[in-house]
Amino acid sequence: MKPTTFVRLLGIAFACLVIPSLASAQRSITCESRHKDRQYCGNFDPDQVRFDRQVGGRRCVQGETWGVDRQGLWVERGCRAVFIIRDRDDRRDRDRGPERGPERGWWTPEPGATWPPRGDWHGGRWERGGACFYKDAGFAGGFFCLRRGEQLESLGDYGDKVSSIRVFGGARVSVYQDRNFSGINANTNHDRPNLGDWRLRQDPGHSWNNRISSVRVD
């Protein structure tokens, strides 16, 4: 067999094996909102969803007219778009850390969501308490939550971006300025609506706003 023929056959075999597996690892869906109400299009995690293209309607803006919350992918106020959905089994961090690994994106807030989280939340139980960490002051903007007994030695995408903390169920939160639970640290067992008001004990001239790099929830 000529070398060129062998290479051609090898390429065909590679395509037959790899392309179907890539196709099965992700798919696309169209999510449409023709009214002002929020429309859900599947119970996906933030790291599964990627915006592909708009197909009409009002401008689609993440966090304003589309996003992902605890109930899944949503659109509202006339946003109509195609999204790429990765399979859950294809996530690189599917076996990592607590319910939300440090490589995942922020949740977006849900209108009228009850507080604190109750019952099953993506398979987890919250009756024993926990804490949620928000990107903006006043418990606003994107957020992630940890149950009591969970910890993150590195916040990854969340690092130095937390501006408020909500604590529930008698949990106690320990925050650290550096990764791996090191550096300046502090504890709280109650809500911190604005980390700009929570001063560093060792350095009162600075606050905990946008300074947290690792956390424990006990």
Protein backbone atom coordinates (compact mmCIF):
# COMPACT_ATOMS: atom_id res chain seq x y z
CA MET A 1 0.00 0.00 0.00
CA LYS A 2 1.30 3.42 -0.92
CA PRO A 3 2.10 5.77 2.00
CA THR A 4 -0.35 8.38 0.69
CA THR A 5 -3.15 5.79 0.55
CA PHE A 6 -2.36 4.67 4.09
CA VAL A 7 -2.47 8.26 5.38
CA ARG A 8 -5.77 8.87 3.60
CA LEU A 9 -7.32 5.74 5.12
CA LEU A 10 -5.98 6.67 8.55
CA GLY A 11 -7.59 10.10 8.24
CA ILE A 12 -10.94 8.59 7.31
CA ALA A 13 -10.79 6.20 10.26
CA PHE A 14 -9.92 9.08 12.61
CA ALA A 15 -12.86 11.13 11.35
CA CYS A 16 -15.25 8.21 11.77
CA LEU A 17 -14.17 7.71 15.38
CA VAL A 18 -13.64 11.25 16.62
CA ILE A 19 -16.31 13.35 14.91
CA PRO A 20 -19.27 11.32 16.27
CA SER A 21 -17.83 11.48 19.79
CA LEU A 22 -17.45 15.25 19.55
CA ALA A 23 -20.98 15.59 18.27
CA SER A 24 -22.32 13.52 21.15
CA ALA A 25 -20.41 15.65 23.70
CA GLN A 26 -22.37 18.76 22.80
CA ARG A 27 -25.55 19.86 21.07
CA SER A 28 -27.34 23.08 20.26
CA ILE A 29 -30.78 24.26 21.33
CA THR A 30 -32.85 27.31 20.49
CA CYS A 31 -34.31 29.12 23.47
CA GLU A 32 -36.94 31.77 22.72
CA SER A 33 -38.80 34.38 24.72
CA ARG A 34 -41.63 36.04 22.82
CA HIS A 35 -42.97 37.84 25.88
CA LYS A 36 -41.56 39.54 28.98
CA ASP A 37 -41.89 36.44 31.16
CA ARG A 38 -38.86 34.26 31.83
CA GLN A 39 -38.79 31.10 29.70
CA TYR A 40 -36.72 28.05 30.80
CA CYS A 41 -35.24 25.73 28.19
CA GLY A 42 -33.58 22.95 30.20
CA ASN A 43 -32.02 22.24 33.58
CA PHE A 44 -28.36 22.89 32.75
CA ASP A 45 -25.38 24.02 34.83
CA PRO A 46 -23.56 27.27 33.94
CA ASP A 47 -20.46 25.43 32.72
CA GLN A 48 -22.59 23.45 30.25
CA VAL A 49 -24.00 26.49 28.44
CA ARG A 50 -22.32 28.65 25.80
CA PHE A 51 -24.07 31.40 23.85
CA ASP A 52 -23.81 30.72 20.11
CA ARG A 53 -25.86 33.28 18.19
CA GLN A 54 -28.98 35.38 18.31
CA VAL A 55 -31.83 34.43 15.98
CA GLY A 56 -34.13 37.41 16.36
CA GLY A 57 -36.03 39.41 18.91
CA ARG A 58 -34.45 41.83 21.35
CA ARG A 59 -30.72 41.91 22.03
CA CYS A 60 -29.58 38.97 24.16
CA VAL A 61 -27.33 40.07 27.03
CA GLN A 62 -26.05 37.58 29.61
CA GLY A 63 -27.38 38.33 33.08
CA GLU A 64 -30.04 40.67 31.67
CA THR A 65 -32.06 38.81 29.05
CA TRP A 66 -30.50 35.35 29.33
CA GLY A 67 -28.60 33.35 31.92
CA VAL A 68 -28.44 30.17 33.98
CA ASP A 69 -29.86 29.85 37.49
CA ARG A 70 -30.73 26.93 39.73
CA GLN A 71 -33.65 26.02 37.47
CA GLY A 72 -31.54 26.03 34.31
CA LEU A 73 -31.07 28.06 31.12
CA TRP A 74 -33.49 30.98 30.75
CA VAL A 75 -34.33 33.81 28.35
CA GLU A 76 -36.71 36.72 28.80
CA ARG A 77 -37.82 40.08 27.38
CA GLY A 78 -37.81 38.89 23.78
CA CYS A 79 -34.36 37.27 23.63
CA ARG A 80 -34.22 34.45 21.04
CA ALA A 81 -30.90 32.64 20.64
CA VAL A 82 -29.09 29.39 19.92
CA PHE A 83 -27.00 27.92 22.75
CA ILE A 84 -24.36 25.18 22.72
CA ILE A 85 -24.96 22.62 25.48
CA ARG A 86 -22.15 20.38 26.69
CA ASP A 87 -23.04 17.01 28.18
CA ARG A 88 -22.67 16.77 31.94
CA ASP A 89 -20.39 13.75 31.55
CA ASP A 90 -18.06 15.87 29.40
CA ARG A 91 -17.32 18.47 32.10
CA ARG A 92 -13.70 18.53 33.14
CA ASP A 93 -14.54 19.24 36.78
CA ARG A 94 -17.53 16.92 37.15
CA ASP A 95 -15.81 14.95 39.96
CA ARG A 96 -14.22 17.93 41.69
CA GLY A 97 -14.92 19.63 44.97
CA PRO A 98 -18.39 20.46 46.23
CA GLU A 99 -21.54 20.82 44.22
CA ARG A 100 -20.02 23.69 42.26
CA GLY A 101 -16.37 23.35 41.31
CA PRO A 102 -14.07 26.38 41.16
CA GLU A 103 -13.80 26.24 37.36
CA ARG A 104 -17.52 26.80 36.84
CA GLY A 105 -19.26 30.09 36.16
CA TRP A 106 -21.46 32.19 38.40
CA TRP A 107 -25.13 31.43 38.83
CA THR A 108 -27.49 34.24 37.84
CA PRO A 109 -30.16 35.36 40.33
CA GLU A 110 -33.70 34.03 40.04
CA PRO A 111 -36.68 36.39 40.34
CA GLY A 112 -38.75 35.60 43.40
CA ALA A 113 -36.41 32.82 44.59
CA THR A 114 -37.03 31.62 48.16
CA TRP A 115 -34.36 32.06 50.80
CA PRO A 116 -32.58 30.11 52.13
CA PRO A 117 -32.36 27.17 49.68
CA ARG A 118 -34.63 24.36 50.85
CA GLY A 119 -34.79 20.66 50.09
CA ASP A 120 -33.03 19.19 47.09
CA TRP A 121 -30.87 21.58 45.10
CA HIS A 122 -29.24 19.71 42.21
CA GLY A 123 -29.19 16.59 44.37
CA GLY A 124 -27.87 18.23 47.55
CA ARG A 125 -29.53 18.75 50.92
CA TRP A 126 -29.38 22.19 52.56
CA GLU A 127 -31.17 21.66 55.88
CA ARG A 128 -27.83 21.62 57.72
CA GLY A 129 -27.03 25.12 56.53
CA GLY A 130 -24.47 26.73 54.28
CA ALA A 131 -23.47 30.02 52.69
CA CYS A 132 -23.71 31.82 49.36
CA PHE A 133 -21.05 34.15 47.98
CA TYR A 134 -22.13 37.02 45.70
CA LYS A 135 -20.28 39.00 43.08
CA ASP A 136 -21.97 42.28 44.08
CA ALA A 137 -22.83 43.94 47.38
CA GLY A 138 -26.35 43.49 48.73
CA PHE A 139 -26.49 39.79 47.75
CA ALA A 140 -26.76 40.73 44.09
CA GLY A 141 -25.18 39.63 40.83
CA GLY A 142 -23.76 36.19 40.13
CA PHE A 143 -23.29 33.81 43.06
CA PHE A 144 -22.22 30.34 44.16
CA CYS A 145 -23.13 28.41 47.30
CA LEU A 146 -21.48 25.84 49.56
CA ARG A 147 -23.12 23.54 52.08
CA ARG A 148 -21.84 23.17 55.62
CA GLY A 149 -18.77 20.92 55.56
CA GLU A 150 -17.64 22.05 52.08
CA GLN A 151 -14.62 24.15 51.20
CA LEU A 152 -12.70 25.56 48.24
CA GLU A 153 -8.92 25.80 48.48
CA SER A 154 -8.97 28.07 45.42
CA LEU A 155 -11.90 30.11 44.17
CA GLY A 156 -10.68 30.04 40.58
CA ASP A 157 -13.07 32.20 38.53
CA TYR A 158 -14.51 33.57 41.78
CA GLY A 159 -11.12 34.64 43.19
CA ASP A 160 -11.00 38.25 44.46
CA LYS A 161 -14.51 38.87 43.12
CA VAL A 162 -16.76 38.26 46.15
CA SER A 163 -18.52 41.37 47.52
CA SER A 164 -21.20 39.96 49.88
CA ILE A 165 -21.87 36.72 51.79
CA ARG A 166 -25.14 35.24 52.98
CA VAL A 167 -25.02 32.67 55.81
CA PHE A 168 -27.90 30.40 56.81
CA GLY A 169 -28.73 27.43 59.03
CA GLY A 170 -26.21 28.28 61.75
CA ALA A 171 -23.19 27.80 59.48
CA ARG A 172 -19.83 29.46 60.11
CA VAL A 173 -17.79 30.85 57.21
CA SER A 174 -14.01 31.17 57.23
CA VAL A 175 -12.46 33.34 54.52
CA TYR A 176 -8.80 33.56 53.51
CA GLN A 177 -6.90 36.17 51.57
CA ASP A 178 -4.71 33.55 49.86
CA ARG A 179 -5.29 30.16 48.30
CA ASN A 180 -4.99 26.91 50.26
CA PHE A 181 -6.52 28.49 53.38
CA SER A 182 -3.51 30.69 54.02
CA GLY A 183 -2.77 34.35 54.64
CA ILE A 184 -4.98 36.80 56.52
CA ASN A 185 -8.28 35.17 57.55
CA ALA A 186 -11.55 35.90 59.32
CA ASN A 187 -14.76 34.16 60.39
CA THR A 188 -18.43 35.07 60.32
CA ASN A 189 -21.66 33.33 61.30
CA HIS A 190 -24.01 36.03 60.00
CA ASP A 191 -24.74 37.82 56.74
CA ARG A 192 -22.20 40.26 55.31
CA PRO A 193 -24.20 42.43 52.88
CA ASN A 194 -21.20 44.57 51.95
CA LEU A 195 -17.67 43.24 52.35
CA GLY A 196 -16.43 46.80 51.97
CA ASP A 197 -17.65 47.31 55.55
CA TRP A 198 -15.85 44.21 56.87
CA ARG A 199 -12.36 45.36 57.71
CA LEU A 200 -9.28 43.18 57.89
CA ARG A 201 -8.40 42.75 61.57
CA GLN A 202 -4.68 42.73 60.78
CA ASP A 203 -4.94 45.67 58.37
CA PRO A 204 -7.93 47.92 59.17
CA GLY A 205 -7.13 50.16 56.23
CA HIS A 206 -8.41 47.46 53.87
CA SER A 207 -11.61 45.44 53.63
CA TRP A 208 -12.57 41.93 52.52
CA ASN A 209 -14.24 43.24 49.38
CA ASN A 210 -12.80 41.47 46.30
CA ARG A 211 -10.08 39.92 48.48
CA ILE A 212 -11.20 36.33 49.19
CA SER A 213 -9.20 33.49 47.57
CA SER A 214 -10.28 30.40 49.56
CA VAL A 215 -13.20 29.56 51.89
CA ARG A 216 -14.49 26.98 54.38
CA VAL A 217 -18.08 26.54 55.52
CA ASP A 218 -18.50 24.71 58.87
